[in-house]
Amino acid sequence: MNFHFNKEHHIYTLDNTIIPSVTQVLPRIFFNKDPYYMELGSLVHSCIELYNKNDLIEDALDPVLTPYLEAYKSFIKENGKPKGIVDVKTGVPQSAEELQLAGYALLVREGLTADGKKGIERDIIMPFPMHCLYLSEEGKYKLSIDYSKDYRKNREIFLSFLTVFKWRQQHGYTNRTKD
């Protein structure tokens, strides 16, 4: 199996078949789709990824991103490296984030890794911690509650949205403007 992520266009493929992202599966009303904030979130994610890999050149960082990185550093200093799934956010809490985390957990638990290996054992009853980490432009952070206690319920809701997403694709409703 060949998994690929095209970062520029945010497209996932598995054996050359396009597969939806977790946020594409969920209805768009659940998320802020303002292009500026979507780009900001992507840039902050990239910044943190580079920081975690020790590849970030902080002196070259856009000043807009600096407070988000400082907030992340504060979180790491005070709490250590995150355990489980931690989805970094640059906005305010949204009600569907627990469904988004359930979708990510579903991929980790039952999906395939990029090298084609099976995810972790799906029969594990107690899921790992699942949080959102909100980083602000003021350089502050806030960690959400642990959503793992509702994983099974949220997993079923996410799978229902996935079923509807697949039905929409099969019936030609792939263009989001048809809604």
Foldseek 3Di string as FASTA:
>chain_A
DAWDADLVVRWIDDPNHTDDALCVLDDPVQDDPDVVQVVLLSVLVVQVVCVVVVNHPVVPDDLQNVLQVLQVVVCCVVPNDDKAAEAEHADDDTPCVLLSQLVVQCCQAANADNVGHGHHDNPDPQHIWHWYWYGYSNSHIDIDDTSRVCSVVSNVVSVVSNVVQVVCVVVVNPDVVVD
